[in-house]
């Protein structure tokens, strides 16, 4: 399946949203202001690393590769 197929796009972005929010929750950042306003902390770096790694892993497991979903993960 090509990475731009509707299935991969929908699943990829859904996985990205879930992993992004899950990492924010795990690091206690779900109600934190944007990094542009407060700066980058170790918790933010950890959340970004975990969310991108888990997004990639879950997309591989779901056979739903969609590289732009990584951007969705970081936006969350």
PDB file of N, CA and C in Angstrom:
ATOM      1  N   UNK A   1       0.838  -1.197   0.000  1.00  0.00           N
ATOM      2  CA  UNK A   1       0.000   0.000   0.000  1.00  0.00           C
ATOM      3  C   UNK A   1       0.873   1.247   0.000  1.00  0.00           C
ATOM      4  N   UNK A   2       0.541   2.195  -0.806  1.00  0.00           N
ATOM      5  CA  UNK A   2       1.311   3.437  -0.778  1.00  0.00           C
ATOM      6  C   UNK A   2       1.030   4.237   0.498  1.00  0.00           C
ATOM      7  N   UNK A   3       2.027   5.009   0.903  1.00  0.00           N
ATOM      8  CA  UNK A   3       1.908   5.779   2.147  1.00  0.00           C
ATOM      9  C   UNK A   3       0.807   6.828   2.087  1.00  0.00           C
ATOM     10  N   UNK A   4       0.405   7.225   0.882  1.00  0.00           N
ATOM     11  CA  UNK A   4      -0.605   8.280   0.749  1.00  0.00           C
ATOM     12  C   UNK A   4      -2.023   7.729   0.611  1.00  0.00           C
ATOM     13  N   UNK A   5      -2.207   6.431   0.788  1.00  0.00           N
ATOM     14  CA  UNK A   5      -3.557   5.876   0.672  1.00  0.00           C
ATOM     15  C   UNK A   5      -4.444   6.408   1.797  1.00  0.00           C
ATOM     16  N   UNK A   6      -5.747   6.506   1.550  1.00  0.00           N
ATOM     17  CA  UNK A   6      -6.640   7.013   2.598  1.00  0.00           C
ATOM     18  C   UNK A   6      -6.540   6.225   3.911  1.00  0.00           C
ATOM     19  N   UNK A   7      -6.429   4.912   3.812  1.00  0.00           N
ATOM     20  CA  UNK A   7      -6.326   4.089   5.026  1.00  0.00           C
ATOM     21  C   UNK A   7      -5.099   4.486   5.829  1.00  0.00           C
ATOM     22  N   UNK A   8      -3.948   4.562   5.164  1.00  0.00           N
ATOM     23  CA  UNK A   8      -2.713   4.901   5.873  1.00  0.00           C
ATOM     24  C   UNK A   8      -2.752   6.312   6.428  1.00  0.00           C
ATOM     25  N   UNK A   9      -3.340   7.235   5.675  1.00  0.00           N
ATOM     26  CA  UNK A   9      -3.418   8.619   6.155  1.00  0.00           C
ATOM     27  C   UNK A   9      -4.289   8.724   7.402  1.00  0.00           C
ATOM     28  N   UNK A  10      -5.437   8.096   7.374  1.00  0.00           N
ATOM     29  CA  UNK A  10      -6.358   8.170   8.519  1.00  0.00           C
ATOM     30  C   UNK A  10      -5.763   7.453   9.727  1.00  0.00           C
ATOM     31  N   UNK A  11      -5.294   6.230   9.530  1.00  0.00           N
ATOM     32  CA  UNK A  11      -4.718   5.480  10.648  1.00  0.00           C
ATOM     33  C   UNK A  11      -3.461   6.160  11.175  1.00  0.00           C
ATOM     34  N   UNK A  12      -2.614   6.620  10.270  1.00  0.00           N
ATOM     35  CA  UNK A  12      -1.361   7.259  10.682  1.00  0.00           C
ATOM     36  C   UNK A  12      -1.604   8.488  11.542  1.00  0.00           C
ATOM     37  N   UNK A  13      -2.523   9.356  11.100  1.00  0.00           N
ATOM     38  CA  UNK A  13      -2.793  10.564  11.885  1.00  0.00           C
ATOM     39  C   UNK A  13      -3.507  10.234  13.197  1.00  0.00           C
ATOM     40  N   UNK A  14      -4.382   9.245  13.188  1.00  0.00           N
ATOM     41  CA  UNK A  14      -5.048   8.837  14.435  1.00  0.00           C
ATOM     42  C   UNK A  14      -4.017   8.299  15.433  1.00  0.00           C
ATOM     43  N   UNK A  15      -3.084   7.500  14.945  1.00  0.00           N
ATOM     44  CA  UNK A  15      -2.019   6.982  15.812  1.00  0.00           C
ATOM     45  C   UNK A  15      -1.171   8.134  16.330  1.00  0.00           C
ATOM     46  N   UNK A  16      -0.860   9.080  15.457  1.00  0.00           N
ATOM     47  CA  UNK A  16      -0.054  10.236  15.857  1.00  0.00           C
ATOM     48  C   UNK A  16      -0.727  11.065  16.937  1.00  0.00           C
ATOM     49  N   UNK A  17      -2.020  11.280  16.783  1.00  0.00           N
ATOM     50  CA  UNK A  17      -2.768  12.044  17.793  1.00  0.00           C
ATOM     51  C   UNK A  17      -2.761  11.313  19.133  1.00  0.00           C
ATOM     52  N   UNK A  18      -3.036  10.015  19.093  1.00  0.00           N
ATOM     53  CA  UNK A  18      -3.078   9.233  20.335  1.00  0.00           C
ATOM     54  C   UNK A  18      -1.711   9.195  21.021  1.00  0.00           C
ATOM     55  N   UNK A  19      -0.656   8.980  20.245  1.00  0.00           N
ATOM     56  CA  UNK A  19       0.684   8.908  20.836  1.00  0.00           C
ATOM     57  C   UNK A  19       1.140  10.272  21.345  1.00  0.00           C
ATOM     58  N   UNK A  20       0.815  11.319  20.619  1.00  0.00           N
ATOM     59  CA  UNK A  20       1.184  12.663  21.062  1.00  0.00           C
ATOM     60  C   UNK A  20       0.516  13.026  22.367  1.00  0.00           C
ATOM     61  N   UNK A  21      -0.791  12.785  22.449  1.00  0.00           N
ATOM     62  CA  UNK A  21      -1.496  13.114  23.684  1.00  0.00           C
ATOM     63  C   UNK A  21      -1.063  12.191  24.821  1.00  0.00           C
ATOM     64  N   UNK A  22      -0.848  10.917  24.512  1.00  0.00           N
ATOM     65  CA  UNK A  22      -0.404   9.974  25.545  1.00  0.00           C
ATOM     66  C   UNK A  22       0.925  10.380  26.155  1.00  0.00           C
ATOM     67  N   UNK A  23       1.856  10.839  25.330  1.00  0.00           N
ATOM     68  CA  UNK A  23       3.160  11.276  25.845  1.00  0.00           C
ATOM     69  C   UNK A  23       3.013  12.552  26.681  1.00  0.00           C
ATOM     70  N   UNK A  24       2.157  13.465  26.238  1.00  0.00           N
ATOM     71  CA  UNK A  24       1.916  14.674  27.042  1.00  0.00           C
ATOM     72  C   UNK A  24       1.351  14.307  28.407  1.00  0.00           C
ATOM     73  N   UNK A  25       0.401  13.395  28.419  1.00  0.00           N
ATOM     74  CA  UNK A  25      -0.217  12.955  29.668  1.00  0.00           C
ATOM     75  C   UNK A  25       0.817  12.276  30.572  1.00  0.00           C
ATOM     76  N   UNK A  26       1.618  11.402  29.977  1.00  0.00           N
ATOM     77  CA  UNK A  26       2.616  10.656  30.756  1.00  0.00           C
ATOM     78  C   UNK A  26       3.635  11.593  31.407  1.00  0.00           C
ATOM     79  N   UNK A  27       3.999  12.666  30.713  1.00  0.00           N
ATOM     80  CA  UNK A  27       4.976  13.610  31.246  1.00  0.00           C
ATOM     81  C   UNK A  27       4.327  14.768  32.004  1.00  0.00           C
ATOM     82  N   UNK A  28       3.010  14.741  32.162  1.00  0.00           N
ATOM     83  CA  UNK A  28       2.316  15.773  32.928  1.00  0.00           C
ATOM     84  C   UNK A  28       2.244  17.118  32.225  1.00  0.00           C
ATOM     85  N   UNK A  29       2.223  17.114  30.920  1.00  0.00           N
ATOM     86  CA  UNK A  29       2.230  18.360  30.155  1.00  0.00           C
ATOM     87  C   UNK A  29       0.901  18.649  29.455  1.00  0.00           C
ATOM     88  N   UNK A  30      -0.148  17.909  29.766  1.00  0.00           N
ATOM     89  CA  UNK A  30      -1.401  18.058  29.032  1.00  0.00           C
ATOM     90  C   UNK A  30      -2.019  19.444  29.170  1.00  0.00           C
ATOM     91  N   UNK A  31      -1.763  20.153  30.234  1.00  0.00           N
ATOM     92  CA  UNK A  31      -2.307  21.510  30.415  1.00  0.00           C
ATOM     93  C   UNK A  31      -1.218  22.582  30.387  1.00  0.00           C
ATOM     94  N   UNK A  32      -0.031  22.224  29.956  1.00  0.00           N
ATOM     95  CA  UNK A  32       1.092  23.162  29.921  1.00  0.00           C
ATOM     96  C   UNK A  32       0.932  24.137  28.755  1.00  0.00           C
ATOM     97  N   UNK A  33       1.397  25.363  28.928  1.00  0.00           N
ATOM     98  CA  UNK A  33       1.364  26.315  27.813  1.00  0.00           C
ATOM     99  C   UNK A  33       2.338  25.884  26.717  1.00  0.00           C
ATOM    100  N   UNK A  34       2.233  26.476  25.545  1.00  0.00           N
ATOM    101  CA  UNK A  34       3.121  26.094  24.435  1.00  0.00           C
ATOM    102  C   UNK A  34       4.596  26.309  24.771  1.00  0.00           C
ATOM    103  N   UNK A  35       5.445  25.501  24.159  1.00  0.00           N
ATOM    104  CA  UNK A  35       6.882  25.618  24.383  1.00  0.00           C
ATOM    105  C   UNK A  35       7.408  26.969  23.923  1.00  0.00           C
ATOM    106  N   UNK A  36       6.773  27.573  22.941  1.00  0.00           N
ATOM    107  CA  UNK A  36       7.202  28.887  22.456  1.00  0.00           C
ATOM    108  C   UNK A  36       7.055  29.940  23.561  1.00  0.00           C
ATOM    109  N   UNK A  37       6.113  29.725  24.470  1.00  0.00           N
ATOM    110  CA  UNK A  37       5.870  30.689  25.545  1.00  0.00           C
ATOM    111  C   UNK A  37       6.726  30.403  26.773  1.00  0.00           C
ATOM    112  N   UNK A  38       7.037  29.138  27.024  1.00  0.00           N
ATOM    113  CA  UNK A  38       7.726  28.788  28.274  1.00  0.00           C
ATOM    114  C   UNK A  38       9.127  28.237  28.077  1.00  0.00           C
ATOM    115  N   UNK A  39       9.474  27.853  26.885  1.00  0.00           N
ATOM    116  CA  UNK A  39      10.792  27.268  26.634  1.00  0.00           C
ATOM    117  C   UNK A  39      10.732  25.748  26.622  1.00  0.00           C
ATOM    118  N   UNK A  40      11.834  25.168  26.231  1.00  0.00           N
ATOM    119  CA  UNK A  40      11.933  23.714  26.116  1.00  0.00           C
ATOM    120  C   UNK A  40      12.545  23.154  27.396  1.00  0.00           C
ATOM    121  N   UNK A  41      11.891  22.142  27.933  1.00  0.00           N
ATOM    122  CA  UNK A  41      12.372  21.485  29.150  1.00  0.00           C
ATOM    123  C   UNK A  41      12.696  20.028  28.838  1.00  0.00           C
ATOM    124  N   UNK A  42      13.307  19.353  29.794  1.00  0.00           N
ATOM    125  CA  UNK A  42      13.586  17.920  29.606  1.00  0.00           C
ATOM    126  C   UNK A  42      12.303  17.115  29.450  1.00  0.00           C
ATOM    127  N   UNK A  43      11.249  17.521  30.136  1.00  0.00           N
ATOM    128  CA  UNK A  43       9.974  16.813  30.010  1.00  0.00           C
ATOM    129  C   UNK A  43       9.437  16.932  28.580  1.00  0.00           C
ATOM    130  N   UNK A  44       9.579  18.098  27.978  1.00  0.00           N
ATOM    131  CA  UNK A  44       9.117  18.284  26.597  1.00  0.00           C
ATOM    132  C   UNK A  44       9.952  17.467  25.617  1.00  0.00           C
ATOM    133  N   UNK A  45      11.241  17.421  25.843  1.00  0.00           N
ATOM    134  CA  UNK A  45      12.114  16.620  24.975  1.00  0.00           C
ATOM    135  C   UNK A  45      11.747  15.142  25.105  1.00  0.00           C
ATOM    136  N   UNK A  46      11.533  14.685  26.327  1.00  0.00           N
ATOM    137  CA  UNK A  46      11.138  13.295  26.546  1.00  0.00           C
ATOM    138  C   UNK A  46       9.798  12.971  25.907  1.00  0.00           C
ATOM    139  N   UNK A  47       8.836  13.881  26.044  1.00  0.00           N
ATOM    140  CA  UNK A  47       7.524  13.665  25.440  1.00  0.00           C
ATOM    141  C   UNK A  47       7.623  13.612  23.924  1.00  0.00           C
ATOM    142  N   UNK A  48       8.426  14.484  23.339  1.00  0.00           N
ATOM    143  CA  UNK A  48       8.591  14.486  21.876  1.00  0.00           C
ATOM    144  C   UNK A  48       9.242  13.190  21.404  1.00  0.00           C
ATOM    145  N   UNK A  49      10.299  12.774  22.094  1.00  0.00           N
ATOM    146  CA  UNK A  49      10.993  11.547  21.702  1.00  0.00           C
ATOM    147  C   UNK A  49      10.087  10.323  21.839  1.00  0.00           C
ATOM    148  N   UNK A  50       9.406  10.219  22.968  1.00  0.00           N
ATOM    149  CA  UNK A  50       8.515   9.076  23.181  1.00  0.00           C
ATOM    150  C   UNK A  50       7.367   9.068  22.185  1.00  0.00           C
ATOM    151  N   UNK A  51       6.774  10.227  21.936  1.00  0.00           N
ATOM    152  CA  UNK A  51       5.626  10.266  21.032  1.00  0.00           C
ATOM    153  C   UNK A  51       6.024   9.899  19.606  1.00  0.00           C
ATOM    154  N   UNK A  52       7.161  10.374  19.127  1.00  0.00           N
ATOM    155  CA  UNK A  52       7.595  10.030  17.772  1.00  0.00           C
ATOM    156  C   UNK A  52       7.980   8.561  17.654  1.00  0.00           C
ATOM    157  N   UNK A  53       8.675   8.048  18.666  1.00  0.00           N
ATOM    158  CA  UNK A  53       9.062   6.634  18.638  1.00  0.00           C
ATOM    159  C   UNK A  53       7.840   5.727  18.678  1.00  0.00           C
ATOM    160  N   UNK A  54       6.885   6.045  19.538  1.00  0.00           N
ATOM    161  CA  UNK A  54       5.696   5.197  19.629  1.00  0.00           C
ATOM    162  C   UNK A  54       4.816   5.341  18.382  1.00  0.00           C
ATOM    163  N   UNK A  55       4.757   6.527  17.793  1.00  0.00           N
ATOM    164  CA  UNK A  55       4.003   6.700  16.554  1.00  0.00           C
ATOM    165  C   UNK A  55       4.592   5.817  15.458  1.00  0.00           C
ATOM    166  N   UNK A  56       5.893   5.861  15.303  1.00  0.00           N
ATOM    167  CA  UNK A  56       6.541   5.023  14.294  1.00  0.00           C
ATOM    168  C   UNK A  56       6.307   3.539  14.547  1.00  0.00           C
ATOM    169  N   UNK A  57       6.440   3.126  15.795  1.00  0.00           N
ATOM    170  CA  UNK A  57       6.262   1.712  16.128  1.00  0.00           C
ATOM    171  C   UNK A  57       4.834   1.244  15.870  1.00  0.00           C
ATOM    172  N   UNK A  58       3.849   2.046  16.301  1.00  0.00           N
ATOM    173  CA  UNK A  58       2.460   1.638  16.108  1.00  0.00           C
ATOM    174  C   UNK A  58       2.050   1.670  14.635  1.00  0.00           C
ATOM    175  N   UNK A  59       2.612   2.586  13.862  1.00  0.00           N
ATOM    176  CA  UNK A  59       2.309   2.595  12.427  1.00  0.00           C
ATOM    177  C   UNK A  59       2.875   1.353  11.756  1.00  0.00           C
ATOM    178  N   UNK A  60       4.055   0.918  12.187  1.00  0.00           N
ATOM    179  CA  UNK A  60       4.624  -0.317  11.641  1.00  0.00           C
ATOM    180  C   UNK A  60       3.758  -1.506  12.022  1.00  0.00           C
ATOM    181  N   UNK A  61       3.349  -1.578  13.283  1.00  0.00           N
ATOM    182  CA  UNK A  61       2.504  -2.695  13.731  1.00  0.00           C
ATOM    183  C   UNK A  61       1.163  -2.721  13.007  1.00  0.00           C
ATOM    184  N   UNK A  62       0.611  -1.544  12.717  1.00  0.00           N
ATOM    185  CA  UNK A  62      -0.687  -1.462  12.038  1.00  0.00           C
ATOM    186  C   UNK A  62      -0.551  -1.531  10.526  1.00  0.00           C
ATOM    187  N   UNK A  63       0.689  -1.614  10.045  1.00  0.00           N
ATOM    188  CA  UNK A  63       0.948  -1.599   8.600  1.00  0.00           C
ATOM    189  C   UNK A  63       0.252  -0.412   7.951  1.00  0.00           C
ATOM    190  N   UNK A  64       0.439   0.744   8.569  1.00  0.00           N
ATOM    191  CA  UNK A  64      -0.197   1.981   8.113  1.00  0.00           C
ATOM    192  C   UNK A  64       0.834   3.102   8.075  1.00  0.00           C
ATOM    193  N   UNK A  65       1.905   2.886   7.324  1.00  0.00           N
ATOM    194  CA  UNK A  65       2.974   3.880   7.258  1.00  0.00           C
ATOM    195  C   UNK A  65       2.486   5.158   6.574  1.00  0.00           C
ATOM    196  N   UNK A  66       2.626   6.271   7.261  1.00  0.00           N
ATOM    197  CA  UNK A  66       2.259   7.582   6.724  1.00  0.00           C
ATOM    198  C   UNK A  66       3.188   8.600   7.379  1.00  0.00           C
ATOM    199  N   UNK A  67       4.355   8.867   6.768  1.00  0.00           N
ATOM    200  CA  UNK A  67       5.359   9.735   7.387  1.00  0.00           C
ATOM    201  C   UNK A  67       4.849  11.095   7.883  1.00  0.00           C
ATOM    202  N   UNK A  68       3.917  11.771   7.187  1.00  0.00           N
ATOM    203  CA  UNK A  68       3.446  13.069   7.702  1.00  0.00           C
ATOM    204  C   UNK A  68       2.757  12.982   9.074  1.00  0.00           C
ATOM    205  N   UNK A  69       2.393  11.796   9.512  1.00  0.00           N
ATOM    206  CA  UNK A  69       1.773  11.651  10.828  1.00  0.00           C
ATOM    207  C   UNK A  69       2.725  12.037  11.950  1.00  0.00           C
ATOM    208  N   UNK A  70       4.032  11.987  11.674  1.00  0.00           N
ATOM    209  CA  UNK A  70       4.999  12.435  12.677  1.00  0.00           C
ATOM    210  C   UNK A  70       4.837  13.914  12.985  1.00  0.00           C
ATOM    211  N   UNK A  71       4.474  14.696  11.988  1.00  0.00           N
ATOM    212  CA  UNK A  71       4.244  16.124  12.214  1.00  0.00           C
ATOM    213  C   UNK A  71       2.996  16.318  13.073  1.00  0.00           C
ATOM    214  N   UNK A  72       1.975  15.523  12.821  1.00  0.00           N
ATOM    215  CA  UNK A  72       0.757  15.600  13.639  1.00  0.00           C
ATOM    216  C   UNK A  72       1.098  15.305  15.092  1.00  0.00           C
ATOM    217  N   UNK A  73       1.926  14.314  15.303  1.00  0.00           N
ATOM    218  CA  UNK A  73       2.343  13.952  16.657  1.00  0.00           C
ATOM    219  C   UNK A  73       3.006  15.131  17.357  1.00  0.00           C
ATOM    220  N   UNK A  74       3.890  15.818  16.673  1.00  0.00           N
ATOM    221  CA  UNK A  74       4.597  16.942  17.290  1.00  0.00           C
ATOM    222  C   UNK A  74       3.697  18.152  17.478  1.00  0.00           C
ATOM    223  N   UNK A  75       2.720  18.321  16.611  1.00  0.00           N
ATOM    224  CA  UNK A  75       1.786  19.439  16.768  1.00  0.00           C
ATOM    225  C   UNK A  75       0.985  19.276  18.052  1.00  0.00           C
ATOM    226  N   UNK A  76       0.602  18.035  18.357  1.00  0.00           N
ATOM    227  CA  UNK A  76      -0.163  17.758  19.579  1.00  0.00           C
ATOM    228  C   UNK A  76       0.704  18.103  20.757  1.00  0.00           C
TER     229      UNK A  76
END
